């Protein structure tokens, strides 16, 4: 898959709430995931660790009220999307989570992701 095809597929799956399927289908085994300093998991390396990080985040959501994902901006092996999640988080109340997600693709798989918020 080209970077654009990977980006479009990621957006397609995430827009319908299939984040786990997106990881299984599109992430490489050596994926690295980076979050801002102070996040519950600032860095995860390897498919299993990144998948567990995603599951842990999903388990913190009590109720989803809305999800918006921009079309991807693709440049070479990189792409980015904007994501806004309106959700009630367990023990935290309703929150609007806004972030820019940056990805790098190699050999048709996502090998790096970074979330900026």
PDB file of N, CA and C in Angstrom:
ATOM      1  N   UNK A   1       0.831  -1.187   0.000  1.00  0.00           N
ATOM      2  CA  UNK A   1       0.000   0.000   0.000  1.00  0.00           C
ATOM      3  C   UNK A   1       0.877   1.252   0.000  1.00  0.00           C
ATOM      4  N   UNK A   2       0.432   2.262  -0.700  1.00  0.00           N
ATOM      5  CA  UNK A   2       1.133   3.540  -0.674  1.00  0.00           C
ATOM      6  C   UNK A   2       0.797   4.272   0.628  1.00  0.00           C
ATOM      7  N   UNK A   3       1.553   5.322   0.920  1.00  0.00           N
ATOM      8  CA  UNK A   3       1.270   6.114   2.116  1.00  0.00           C
ATOM      9  C   UNK A   3      -0.144   6.672   2.051  1.00  0.00           C
ATOM     10  N   UNK A   4      -0.567   7.154   0.889  1.00  0.00           N
ATOM     11  CA  UNK A   4      -1.928   7.689   0.752  1.00  0.00           C
ATOM     12  C   UNK A   4      -2.976   6.610   1.002  1.00  0.00           C
ATOM     13  N   UNK A   5      -2.757   5.427   0.483  1.00  0.00           N
ATOM     14  CA  UNK A   5      -3.713   4.331   0.703  1.00  0.00           C
ATOM     15  C   UNK A   5      -3.793   3.969   2.182  1.00  0.00           C
ATOM     16  N   UNK A   6      -2.660   3.912   2.858  1.00  0.00           N
ATOM     17  CA  UNK A   6      -2.639   3.620   4.297  1.00  0.00           C
ATOM     18  C   UNK A   6      -3.384   4.729   5.045  1.00  0.00           C
ATOM     19  N   UNK A   7      -3.098   5.986   4.709  1.00  0.00           N
ATOM     20  CA  UNK A   7      -3.744   7.118   5.371  1.00  0.00           C
ATOM     21  C   UNK A   7      -5.254   7.083   5.174  1.00  0.00           C
ATOM     22  N   UNK A   8      -5.684   6.867   3.949  1.00  0.00           N
ATOM     23  CA  UNK A   8      -7.122   6.830   3.658  1.00  0.00           C
ATOM     24  C   UNK A   8      -7.809   5.680   4.386  1.00  0.00           C
ATOM     25  N   UNK A   9      -7.159   4.534   4.452  1.00  0.00           N
ATOM     26  CA  UNK A   9      -7.742   3.375   5.144  1.00  0.00           C
ATOM     27  C   UNK A   9      -7.816   3.617   6.645  1.00  0.00           C
ATOM     28  N   UNK A  10      -6.774   4.224   7.219  1.00  0.00           N
ATOM     29  CA  UNK A  10      -6.798   4.537   8.643  1.00  0.00           C
ATOM     30  C   UNK A  10      -7.972   5.464   8.955  1.00  0.00           C
ATOM     31  N   UNK A  11      -8.133   6.512   8.180  1.00  0.00           N
ATOM     32  CA  UNK A  11      -9.234   7.449   8.393  1.00  0.00           C
ATOM     33  C   UNK A  11     -10.578   6.747   8.241  1.00  0.00           C
ATOM     34  N   UNK A  12     -10.704   5.921   7.206  1.00  0.00           N
ATOM     35  CA  UNK A  12     -11.951   5.189   6.973  1.00  0.00           C
ATOM     36  C   UNK A  12     -12.334   4.338   8.188  1.00  0.00           C
ATOM     37  N   UNK A  13     -11.389   3.580   8.709  1.00  0.00           N
ATOM     38  CA  UNK A  13     -11.676   2.705   9.848  1.00  0.00           C
ATOM     39  C   UNK A  13     -11.931   3.501  11.130  1.00  0.00           C
ATOM     40  N   UNK A  14     -11.127   4.526  11.379  1.00  0.00           N
ATOM     41  CA  UNK A  14     -11.294   5.310  12.603  1.00  0.00           C
ATOM     42  C   UNK A  14     -12.614   6.071  12.615  1.00  0.00           C
ATOM     43  N   UNK A  15     -13.050   6.549  11.472  1.00  0.00           N
ATOM     44  CA  UNK A  15     -14.321   7.292  11.413  1.00  0.00           C
ATOM     45  C   UNK A  15     -15.512   6.436  11.815  1.00  0.00           C
ATOM     46  N   UNK A  16     -15.408   5.130  11.675  1.00  0.00           N
ATOM     47  CA  UNK A  16     -16.501   4.243  12.092  1.00  0.00           C
ATOM     48  C   UNK A  16     -16.175   3.540  13.412  1.00  0.00           C
ATOM     49  N   UNK A  17     -15.168   4.059  14.123  1.00  0.00           N
ATOM     50  CA  UNK A  17     -14.861   3.554  15.456  1.00  0.00           C
ATOM     51  C   UNK A  17     -14.095   2.249  15.502  1.00  0.00           C
ATOM     52  N   UNK A  18     -13.456   1.862  14.409  1.00  0.00           N
ATOM     53  CA  UNK A  18     -12.739   0.586  14.365  1.00  0.00           C
ATOM     54  C   UNK A  18     -11.233   0.799  14.517  1.00  0.00           C
ATOM     55  N   UNK A  19     -10.859   1.451  15.626  1.00  0.00           N
ATOM     56  CA  UNK A  19      -9.448   1.742  15.862  1.00  0.00           C
ATOM     57  C   UNK A  19      -8.611   0.473  16.022  1.00  0.00           C
ATOM     58  N   UNK A  20      -9.148  -0.507  16.723  1.00  0.00           N
ATOM     59  CA  UNK A  20      -8.412  -1.757  16.935  1.00  0.00           C
ATOM     60  C   UNK A  20      -8.179  -2.475  15.606  1.00  0.00           C
ATOM     61  N   UNK A  21      -9.190  -2.507  14.758  1.00  0.00           N
ATOM     62  CA  UNK A  21      -9.041  -3.133  13.439  1.00  0.00           C
ATOM     63  C   UNK A  21      -8.004  -2.378  12.617  1.00  0.00           C
ATOM     64  N   UNK A  22      -7.991  -1.046  12.733  1.00  0.00           N
ATOM     65  CA  UNK A  22      -7.007  -0.239  12.015  1.00  0.00           C
ATOM     66  C   UNK A  22      -5.597  -0.626  12.442  1.00  0.00           C
ATOM     67  N   UNK A  23      -5.389  -0.789  13.743  1.00  0.00           N
ATOM     68  CA  UNK A  23      -4.065  -1.187  14.224  1.00  0.00           C
ATOM     69  C   UNK A  23      -3.684  -2.565  13.676  1.00  0.00           C
ATOM     70  N   UNK A  24      -4.592  -3.518  13.772  1.00  0.00           N
ATOM     71  CA  UNK A  24      -4.305  -4.880  13.328  1.00  0.00           C
ATOM     72  C   UNK A  24      -3.971  -4.934  11.839  1.00  0.00           C
ATOM     73  N   UNK A  25      -4.658  -4.123  11.068  1.00  0.00           N
ATOM     74  CA  UNK A  25      -4.499  -4.146   9.613  1.00  0.00           C
ATOM     75  C   UNK A  25      -3.315  -3.303   9.122  1.00  0.00           C
ATOM     76  N   UNK A  26      -3.059  -2.180   9.782  1.00  0.00           N
ATOM     77  CA  UNK A  26      -2.152  -1.189   9.208  1.00  0.00           C
ATOM     78  C   UNK A  26      -0.841  -0.988   9.954  1.00  0.00           C
ATOM     79  N   UNK A  27      -0.723  -1.429  11.193  1.00  0.00           N
ATOM     80  CA  UNK A  27       0.484  -1.164  11.976  1.00  0.00           C
ATOM     81  C   UNK A  27       1.519  -2.259  11.769  1.00  0.00           C
ATOM     82  N   UNK A  28       2.776  -1.828  11.684  1.00  0.00           N
ATOM     83  CA  UNK A  28       3.886  -2.772  11.586  1.00  0.00           C
ATOM     84  C   UNK A  28       4.227  -3.343  12.953  1.00  0.00           C
ATOM     85  N   UNK A  29       4.939  -4.435  12.965  1.00  0.00           N
ATOM     86  CA  UNK A  29       5.313  -5.090  14.220  1.00  0.00           C
ATOM     87  C   UNK A  29       6.270  -4.239  15.055  1.00  0.00           C
ATOM     88  N   UNK A  30       7.034  -3.369  14.400  1.00  0.00           N
ATOM     89  CA  UNK A  30       8.008  -2.554  15.127  1.00  0.00           C
ATOM     90  C   UNK A  30       7.518  -1.121  15.346  1.00  0.00           C
ATOM     91  N   UNK A  31       6.214  -0.919  15.372  1.00  0.00           N
ATOM     92  CA  UNK A  31       5.625   0.413  15.562  1.00  0.00           C
ATOM     93  C   UNK A  31       6.116   1.066  16.857  1.00  0.00           C
ATOM     94  N   UNK A  32       6.313   2.375  16.791  1.00  0.00           N
ATOM     95  CA  UNK A  32       6.606   3.186  17.969  1.00  0.00           C
ATOM     96  C   UNK A  32       5.504   4.222  18.091  1.00  0.00           C
ATOM     97  N   UNK A  33       4.974   4.396  19.294  1.00  0.00           N
ATOM     98  CA  UNK A  33       3.918   5.363  19.566  1.00  0.00           C
ATOM     99  C   UNK A  33       4.403   6.342  20.621  1.00  0.00           C
ATOM    100  N   UNK A  34       4.238   7.645  20.342  1.00  0.00           N
ATOM    101  CA  UNK A  34       4.731   8.692  21.232  1.00  0.00           C
ATOM    102  C   UNK A  34       3.592   9.630  21.611  1.00  0.00           C
ATOM    103  N   UNK A  35       3.492   9.916  22.911  1.00  0.00           N
ATOM    104  CA  UNK A  35       2.505  10.853  23.459  1.00  0.00           C
ATOM    105  C   UNK A  35       3.262  11.973  24.175  1.00  0.00           C
ATOM    106  N   UNK A  36       2.592  13.098  24.450  1.00  0.00           N
ATOM    107  CA  UNK A  36       3.260  14.193  25.165  1.00  0.00           C
ATOM    108  C   UNK A  36       3.704  13.789  26.575  1.00  0.00           C
ATOM    109  N   UNK A  37       4.678  14.522  27.088  1.00  0.00           N
ATOM    110  CA  UNK A  37       5.164  14.305  28.446  1.00  0.00           C
ATOM    111  C   UNK A  37       3.993  14.416  29.421  1.00  0.00           C
ATOM    112  N   UNK A  38       3.923  13.483  30.347  1.00  0.00           N
ATOM    113  CA  UNK A  38       2.852  13.468  31.335  1.00  0.00           C
ATOM    114  C   UNK A  38       1.683  12.567  30.967  1.00  0.00           C
ATOM    115  N   UNK A  39       1.668  12.052  29.740  1.00  0.00           N
ATOM    116  CA  UNK A  39       0.613  11.120  29.331  1.00  0.00           C
ATOM    117  C   UNK A  39       0.777   9.816  30.116  1.00  0.00           C
ATOM    118  N   UNK A  40      -0.304   9.048  30.285  1.00  0.00           N
ATOM    119  CA  UNK A  40      -0.185   7.776  31.016  1.00  0.00           C
ATOM    120  C   UNK A  40       0.900   6.858  30.454  1.00  0.00           C
ATOM    121  N   UNK A  41       1.028   6.823  29.129  1.00  0.00           N
ATOM    122  CA  UNK A  41       2.109   6.075  28.475  1.00  0.00           C
ATOM    123  C   UNK A  41       2.740   7.037  27.467  1.00  0.00           C
ATOM    124  N   UNK A  42       3.922   7.525  27.775  1.00  0.00           N
ATOM    125  CA  UNK A  42       4.572   8.503  26.904  1.00  0.00           C
ATOM    126  C   UNK A  42       5.178   7.868  25.660  1.00  0.00           C
ATOM    127  N   UNK A  43       5.586   6.604  25.763  1.00  0.00           N
ATOM    128  CA  UNK A  43       6.202   5.920  24.624  1.00  0.00           C
ATOM    129  C   UNK A  43       5.919   4.430  24.740  1.00  0.00           C
ATOM    130  N   UNK A  44       5.486   3.868  23.622  1.00  0.00           N
ATOM    131  CA  UNK A  44       5.286   2.418  23.547  1.00  0.00           C
ATOM    132  C   UNK A  44       5.983   1.927  22.287  1.00  0.00           C
ATOM    133  N   UNK A  45       6.657   0.793  22.398  1.00  0.00           N
ATOM    134  CA  UNK A  45       7.395   0.252  21.260  1.00  0.00           C
ATOM    135  C   UNK A  45       6.986  -1.192  21.024  1.00  0.00           C
ATOM    136  N   UNK A  46       6.710  -1.495  19.768  1.00  0.00           N
ATOM    137  CA  UNK A  46       6.288  -2.834  19.380  1.00  0.00           C
ATOM    138  C   UNK A  46       4.779  -2.933  19.299  1.00  0.00           C
ATOM    139  N   UNK A  47       4.325  -3.782  18.393  1.00  0.00           N
ATOM    140  CA  UNK A  47       2.888  -3.891  18.141  1.00  0.00           C
ATOM    141  C   UNK A  47       2.095  -4.218  19.404  1.00  0.00           C
ATOM    142  N   UNK A  48       2.553  -5.164  20.177  1.00  0.00           N
ATOM    143  CA  UNK A  48       1.812  -5.579  21.366  1.00  0.00           C
ATOM    144  C   UNK A  48       1.662  -4.420  22.354  1.00  0.00           C
ATOM    145  N   UNK A  49       2.738  -3.703  22.619  1.00  0.00           N
ATOM    146  CA  UNK A  49       2.694  -2.586  23.572  1.00  0.00           C
ATOM    147  C   UNK A  49       1.781  -1.465  23.073  1.00  0.00           C
ATOM    148  N   UNK A  50       1.843  -1.167  21.790  1.00  0.00           N
ATOM    149  CA  UNK A  50       1.001  -0.106  21.224  1.00  0.00           C
ATOM    150  C   UNK A  50      -0.470  -0.533  21.250  1.00  0.00           C
ATOM    151  N   UNK A  51      -0.724  -1.779  20.939  1.00  0.00           N
ATOM    152  CA  UNK A  51      -2.096  -2.291  20.987  1.00  0.00           C
ATOM    153  C   UNK A  51      -2.656  -2.230  22.403  1.00  0.00           C
ATOM    154  N   UNK A  52      -1.862  -2.621  23.389  1.00  0.00           N
ATOM    155  CA  UNK A  52      -2.301  -2.562  24.784  1.00  0.00           C
ATOM    156  C   UNK A  52      -2.562  -1.127  25.232  1.00  0.00           C
ATOM    157  N   UNK A  53      -1.735  -0.188  24.758  1.00  0.00           N
ATOM    158  CA  UNK A  53      -1.931   1.226  25.082  1.00  0.00           C
ATOM    159  C   UNK A  53      -3.275   1.701  24.534  1.00  0.00           C
ATOM    160  N   UNK A  54      -3.595   1.298  23.311  1.00  0.00           N
ATOM    161  CA  UNK A  54      -4.880   1.665  22.705  1.00  0.00           C
ATOM    162  C   UNK A  54      -6.056   1.075  23.459  1.00  0.00           C
ATOM    163  N   UNK A  55      -5.937  -0.168  23.863  1.00  0.00           N
ATOM    164  CA  UNK A  55      -7.006  -0.815  24.628  1.00  0.00           C
ATOM    165  C   UNK A  55      -7.191  -0.135  25.981  1.00  0.00           C
ATOM    166  N   UNK A  56      -6.097   0.252  26.618  1.00  0.00           N
ATOM    167  CA  UNK A  56      -6.184   0.935  27.911  1.00  0.00           C
ATOM    168  C   UNK A  56      -6.904   2.274  27.762  1.00  0.00           C
ATOM    169  N   UNK A  57      -6.592   3.017  26.693  1.00  0.00           N
ATOM    170  CA  UNK A  57      -7.277   4.291  26.472  1.00  0.00           C
ATOM    171  C   UNK A  57      -8.769   4.055  26.235  1.00  0.00           C
ATOM    172  N   UNK A  58      -9.093   3.091  25.399  1.00  0.00           N
ATOM    173  CA  UNK A  58     -10.499   2.791  25.101  1.00  0.00           C
ATOM    174  C   UNK A  58     -11.266   2.419  26.370  1.00  0.00           C
ATOM    175  N   UNK A  59     -10.607   1.736  27.297  1.00  0.00           N
ATOM    176  CA  UNK A  59     -11.279   1.311  28.530  1.00  0.00           C
ATOM    177  C   UNK A  59     -11.571   2.492  29.455  1.00  0.00           C
ATOM    178  N   UNK A  60     -10.917   3.630  29.218  1.00  0.00           N
ATOM    179  CA  UNK A  60     -11.149   4.823  30.032  1.00  0.00           C
ATOM    180  C   UNK A  60     -12.385   5.606  29.573  1.00  0.00           C
ATOM    181  N   UNK A  61     -12.921   5.248  28.411  1.00  0.00           N
ATOM    182  CA  UNK A  61     -14.069   5.966  27.863  1.00  0.00           C
ATOM    183  C   UNK A  61     -15.356   5.341  28.379  1.00  0.00           C
ATOM    184  N   UNK A  62     -16.150   6.163  29.038  1.00  0.00           N
ATOM    185  CA  UNK A  62     -17.448   5.713  29.538  1.00  0.00           C
ATOM    186  C   UNK A  62     -18.506   5.810  28.444  1.00  0.00           C
ATOM    187  N   UNK A  63     -18.496   6.925  27.690  1.00  0.00           N
ATOM    188  CA  UNK A  63     -19.468   7.121  26.620  1.00  0.00           C
ATOM    189  C   UNK A  63     -18.881   8.058  25.569  1.00  0.00           C
ATOM    190  N   UNK A  64     -19.060   7.678  24.299  1.00  0.00           N
ATOM    191  CA  UNK A  64     -18.644   8.546  23.182  1.00  0.00           C
ATOM    192  C   UNK A  64     -19.841   9.359  22.729  1.00  0.00           C
ATOM    193  N   UNK A  65     -19.602  10.661  22.596  1.00  0.00           N
ATOM    194  CA  UNK A  65     -20.671  11.552  22.142  1.00  0.00           C
ATOM    195  C   UNK A  65     -20.441  11.994  20.709  1.00  0.00           C
ATOM    196  N   UNK A  66     -19.209  11.938  20.256  1.00  0.00           N
ATOM    197  CA  UNK A  66     -18.896  12.342  18.892  1.00  0.00           C
ATOM    198  C   UNK A  66     -17.431  12.134  18.580  1.00  0.00           C
ATOM    199  N   UNK A  67     -17.159  11.923  17.298  1.00  0.00           N
ATOM    200  CA  UNK A  67     -15.791  11.739  16.826  1.00  0.00           C
ATOM    201  C   UNK A  67     -15.687  12.393  15.464  1.00  0.00           C
ATOM    202  N   UNK A  68     -14.669  13.218  15.295  1.00  0.00           N
ATOM    203  CA  UNK A  68     -14.431  13.893  14.021  1.00  0.00           C
ATOM    204  C   UNK A  68     -12.979  13.679  13.630  1.00  0.00           C
ATOM    205  N   UNK A  69     -12.766  13.276  12.375  1.00  0.00           N
ATOM    206  CA  UNK A  69     -11.411  13.045  11.876  1.00  0.00           C
ATOM    207  C   UNK A  69     -11.284  13.747  10.529  1.00  0.00           C
ATOM    208  N   UNK A  70     -10.242  14.558  10.391  1.00  0.00           N
ATOM    209  CA  UNK A  70     -10.026  15.264   9.135  1.00  0.00           C
ATOM    210  C   UNK A  70      -9.547  14.302   8.062  1.00  0.00           C
ATOM    211  N   UNK A  71      -9.587  14.752   6.832  1.00  0.00           N
ATOM    212  CA  UNK A  71      -8.938  14.027   5.755  1.00  0.00           C
ATOM    213  C   UNK A  71      -7.435  14.111   5.995  1.00  0.00           C
ATOM    214  N   UNK A  72      -6.687  13.110   5.567  1.00  0.00           N
ATOM    215  CA  UNK A  72      -5.247  13.122   5.815  1.00  0.00           C
ATOM    216  C   UNK A  72      -4.508  14.111   4.915  1.00  0.00           C
ATOM    217  N   UNK A  73      -3.417  14.625   5.462  1.00  0.00           N
ATOM    218  CA  UNK A  73      -2.453  15.394   4.681  1.00  0.00           C
ATOM    219  C   UNK A  73      -1.246  14.487   4.512  1.00  0.00           C
ATOM    220  N   UNK A  74      -0.932  14.156   3.270  1.00  0.00           N
ATOM    221  CA  UNK A  74       0.130  13.188   2.968  1.00  0.00           C
ATOM    222  C   UNK A  74       1.315  13.912   2.343  1.00  0.00           C
ATOM    223  N   UNK A  75       2.521  13.575   2.809  1.00  0.00           N
ATOM    224  CA  UNK A  75       3.744  14.119   2.240  1.00  0.00           C
ATOM    225  C   UNK A  75       4.825  13.045   2.333  1.00  0.00           C
ATOM    226  N   UNK A  76       5.169  12.459   1.220  1.00  0.00           N
ATOM    227  CA  UNK A  76       6.187  11.407   1.207  1.00  0.00           C
ATOM    228  C   UNK A  76       5.725  10.203   2.003  1.00  0.00           C
ATOM    229  N   UNK A  77       6.526   9.797   2.987  1.00  0.00           N
ATOM    230  CA  UNK A  77       6.206   8.640   3.823  1.00  0.00           C
ATOM    231  C   UNK A  77       5.427   9.031   5.073  1.00  0.00           C
ATOM    232  N   UNK A  78       5.095  10.308   5.207  1.00  0.00           N
ATOM    233  CA  UNK A  78       4.398  10.792   6.400  1.00  0.00           C
ATOM    234  C   UNK A  78       2.987  11.263   6.049  1.00  0.00           C
ATOM    235  N   UNK A  79       2.125  11.203   7.052  1.00  0.00           N
ATOM    236  CA  UNK A  79       0.812  11.841   6.916  1.00  0.00           C
ATOM    237  C   UNK A  79       0.336  12.263   8.293  1.00  0.00           C
ATOM    238  N   UNK A  80      -0.606  13.186   8.292  1.00  0.00           N
ATOM    239  CA  UNK A  80      -1.183  13.628   9.560  1.00  0.00           C
ATOM    240  C   UNK A  80      -2.683  13.773   9.405  1.00  0.00           C
ATOM    241  N   UNK A  81      -3.362  13.659  10.540  1.00  0.00           N
ATOM    242  CA  UNK A  81      -4.808  13.881  10.597  1.00  0.00           C
ATOM    243  C   UNK A  81      -5.108  14.663  11.871  1.00  0.00           C
ATOM    244  N   UNK A  82      -6.203  15.385  11.851  1.00  0.00           N
ATOM    245  CA  UNK A  82      -6.715  16.008  13.059  1.00  0.00           C
ATOM    246  C   UNK A  82      -7.834  15.139  13.600  1.00  0.00           C
ATOM    247  N   UNK A  83      -7.871  14.968  14.913  1.00  0.00           N
ATOM    248  CA  UNK A  83      -8.900  14.130  15.526  1.00  0.00           C
ATOM    249  C   UNK A  83      -9.490  14.858  16.728  1.00  0.00           C
ATOM    250  N   UNK A  84     -10.822  14.871  16.797  1.00  0.00           N
ATOM    251  CA  UNK A  84     -11.529  15.442  17.934  1.00  0.00           C
ATOM    252  C   UNK A  84     -12.495  14.390  18.465  1.00  0.00           C
ATOM    253  N   UNK A  85     -12.362  14.092  19.748  1.00  0.00           N
ATOM    254  CA  UNK A  85     -13.221  13.109  20.408  1.00  0.00           C
ATOM    255  C   UNK A  85     -13.976  13.800  21.527  1.00  0.00           C
ATOM    256  N   UNK A  86     -15.291  13.723  21.479  1.00  0.00           N
ATOM    257  CA  UNK A  86     -16.156  14.229  22.532  1.00  0.00           C
ATOM    258  C   UNK A  86     -16.604  12.999  23.317  1.00  0.00           C
ATOM    259  N   UNK A  87     -16.137  12.879  24.552  1.00  0.00           N
ATOM    260  CA  UNK A  87     -16.405  11.655  25.307  1.00  0.00           C
ATOM    261  C   UNK A  87     -16.509  11.938  26.800  1.00  0.00           C
ATOM    262  N   UNK A  88     -17.267  11.095  27.471  1.00  0.00           N
ATOM    263  CA  UNK A  88     -17.271  11.087  28.921  1.00  0.00           C
ATOM    264  C   UNK A  88     -16.236  10.066  29.346  1.00  0.00           C
ATOM    265  N   UNK A  89     -15.238  10.547  30.084  1.00  0.00           N
ATOM    266  CA  UNK A  89     -14.150   9.695  30.535  1.00  0.00           C
ATOM    267  C   UNK A  89     -14.459   9.231  31.963  1.00  0.00           C
ATOM    268  N   UNK A  90     -14.201   7.982  32.250  1.00  0.00           N
ATOM    269  CA  UNK A  90     -14.461   7.434  33.580  1.00  0.00           C
ATOM    270  C   UNK A  90     -13.775   8.277  34.651  1.00  0.00           C
ATOM    271  N   UNK A  91     -14.562   8.769  35.594  1.00  0.00           N
ATOM    272  CA  UNK A  91     -14.037   9.543  36.708  1.00  0.00           C
ATOM    273  C   UNK A  91     -13.589  10.951  36.363  1.00  0.00           C
ATOM    274  N   UNK A  92     -13.752  11.383  35.114  1.00  0.00           N
ATOM    275  CA  UNK A  92     -13.284  12.702  34.691  1.00  0.00           C
ATOM    276  C   UNK A  92     -14.380  13.560  34.082  1.00  0.00           C
ATOM    277  N   UNK A  93     -15.532  12.988  33.822  1.00  0.00           N
ATOM    278  CA  UNK A  93     -16.605  13.743  33.195  1.00  0.00           C
ATOM    279  C   UNK A  93     -16.424  13.858  31.693  1.00  0.00           C
ATOM    280  N   UNK A  94     -17.276  14.681  31.105  1.00  0.00           N
ATOM    281  CA  UNK A  94     -17.261  14.863  29.658  1.00  0.00           C
ATOM    282  C   UNK A  94     -16.120  15.793  29.261  1.00  0.00           C
ATOM    283  N   UNK A  95     -15.392  15.401  28.217  1.00  0.00           N
ATOM    284  CA  UNK A  95     -14.239  16.172  27.752  1.00  0.00           C
ATOM    285  C   UNK A  95     -14.198  16.200  26.232  1.00  0.00           C
ATOM    286  N   UNK A  96     -13.627  17.255  25.719  1.00  0.00           N
ATOM    287  CA  UNK A  96     -13.369  17.372  24.289  1.00  0.00           C
ATOM    288  C   UNK A  96     -11.862  17.198  24.093  1.00  0.00           C
ATOM    289  N   UNK A  97     -11.469  16.102  23.471  1.00  0.00           N
ATOM    290  CA  UNK A  97     -10.057  15.792  23.249  1.00  0.00           C
ATOM    291  C   UNK A  97      -9.710  16.127  21.801  1.00  0.00           C
ATOM    292  N   UNK A  98      -8.784  17.066  21.617  1.00  0.00           N
ATOM    293  CA  UNK A  98      -8.387  17.500  20.277  1.00  0.00           C
ATOM    294  C   UNK A  98      -6.894  17.243  20.102  1.00  0.00           C
ATOM    295  N   UNK A  99      -6.529  16.613  18.980  1.00  0.00           N
ATOM    296  CA  UNK A  99      -5.130  16.300  18.756  1.00  0.00           C
ATOM    297  C   UNK A  99      -4.795  16.248  17.277  1.00  0.00           C
ATOM    298  N   UNK A 100      -3.523  16.421  17.002  1.00  0.00           N
ATOM    299  CA  UNK A 100      -2.969  16.175  15.676  1.00  0.00           C
ATOM    300  C   UNK A 100      -2.216  14.861  15.782  1.00  0.00           C
ATOM    301  N   UNK A 101      -2.472  13.974  14.848  1.00  0.00           N
ATOM    302  CA  UNK A 101      -1.838  12.658  14.833  1.00  0.00           C
ATOM    303  C   UNK A 101      -0.903  12.603  13.626  1.00  0.00           C
ATOM    304  N   UNK A 102       0.351  12.271  13.871  1.00  0.00           N
ATOM    305  CA  UNK A 102       1.367  12.220  12.824  1.00  0.00           C
ATOM    306  C   UNK A 102       1.832  10.770  12.680  1.00  0.00           C
ATOM    307  N   UNK A 103       1.923  10.297  11.442  1.00  0.00           N
ATOM    308  CA  UNK A 103       2.282   8.904  11.175  1.00  0.00           C
ATOM    309  C   UNK A 103       3.397   8.823  10.137  1.00  0.00           C
ATOM    310  N   UNK A 104       4.199   7.765  10.231  1.00  0.00           N
ATOM    311  CA  UNK A 104       5.205   7.463   9.212  1.00  0.00           C
ATOM    312  C   UNK A 104       4.948   6.039   8.715  1.00  0.00           C
ATOM    313  N   UNK A 105       5.036   5.866   7.415  1.00  0.00           N
ATOM    314  CA  UNK A 105       4.751   4.588   6.770  1.00  0.00           C
ATOM    315  C   UNK A 105       6.012   4.062   6.100  1.00  0.00           C
ATOM    316  N   UNK A 106       6.289   2.779   6.294  1.00  0.00           N
ATOM    317  CA  UNK A 106       7.376   2.091   5.605  1.00  0.00           C
ATOM    318  C   UNK A 106       6.871   0.733   5.157  1.00  0.00           C
ATOM    319  N   UNK A 107       7.128   0.398   3.915  1.00  0.00           N
ATOM    320  CA  UNK A 107       6.724  -0.892   3.346  1.00  0.00           C
ATOM    321  C   UNK A 107       5.228  -1.159   3.543  1.00  0.00           C
ATOM    322  N   UNK A 108       4.409  -0.120   3.396  1.00  0.00           N
ATOM    323  CA  UNK A 108       2.963  -0.284   3.460  1.00  0.00           C
ATOM    324  C   UNK A 108       2.376  -0.418   4.851  1.00  0.00           C
ATOM    325  N   UNK A 109       3.174  -0.188   5.893  1.00  0.00           N
ATOM    326  CA  UNK A 109       2.706  -0.302   7.275  1.00  0.00           C
ATOM    327  C   UNK A 109       3.078   0.952   8.061  1.00  0.00           C
ATOM    328  N   UNK A 110       2.259   1.307   9.028  1.00  0.00           N
ATOM    329  CA  UNK A 110       2.570   2.421   9.918  1.00  0.00           C
ATOM    330  C   UNK A 110       3.619   1.933  10.913  1.00  0.00           C
ATOM    331  N   UNK A 111       4.748   2.655  10.974  1.00  0.00           N
ATOM    332  CA  UNK A 111       5.842   2.257  11.866  1.00  0.00           C
ATOM    333  C   UNK A 111       6.080   3.271  12.980  1.00  0.00           C
ATOM    334  N   UNK A 112       5.401   4.428  12.886  1.00  0.00           N
ATOM    335  CA  UNK A 112       5.576   5.473  13.899  1.00  0.00           C
ATOM    336  C   UNK A 112       4.300   6.294  13.962  1.00  0.00           C
ATOM    337  N   UNK A 113       3.878   6.612  15.175  1.00  0.00           N
ATOM    338  CA  UNK A 113       2.762   7.529  15.376  1.00  0.00           C
ATOM    339  C   UNK A 113       3.109   8.450  16.536  1.00  0.00           C
ATOM    340  N   UNK A 114       2.668   9.690  16.407  1.00  0.00           N
ATOM    341  CA  UNK A 114       2.872  10.659  17.487  1.00  0.00           C
ATOM    342  C   UNK A 114       1.610  11.498  17.612  1.00  0.00           C
ATOM    343  N   UNK A 115       1.179  11.691  18.839  1.00  0.00           N
ATOM    344  CA  UNK A 115      -0.030  12.456  19.106  1.00  0.00           C
ATOM    345  C   UNK A 115       0.364  13.757  19.787  1.00  0.00           C
ATOM    346  N   UNK A 116      -0.101  14.870  19.230  1.00  0.00           N
ATOM    347  CA  UNK A 116       0.215  16.197  19.736  1.00  0.00           C
ATOM    348  C   UNK A 116      -1.081  16.817  20.214  1.00  0.00           C
ATOM    349  N   UNK A 117      -1.131  17.149  21.512  1.00  0.00           N
ATOM    350  CA  UNK A 117      -2.324  17.789  22.074  1.00  0.00           C
ATOM    351  C   UNK A 117      -1.959  18.670  23.229  1.00  0.00           C
TER     352      UNK A 117
END
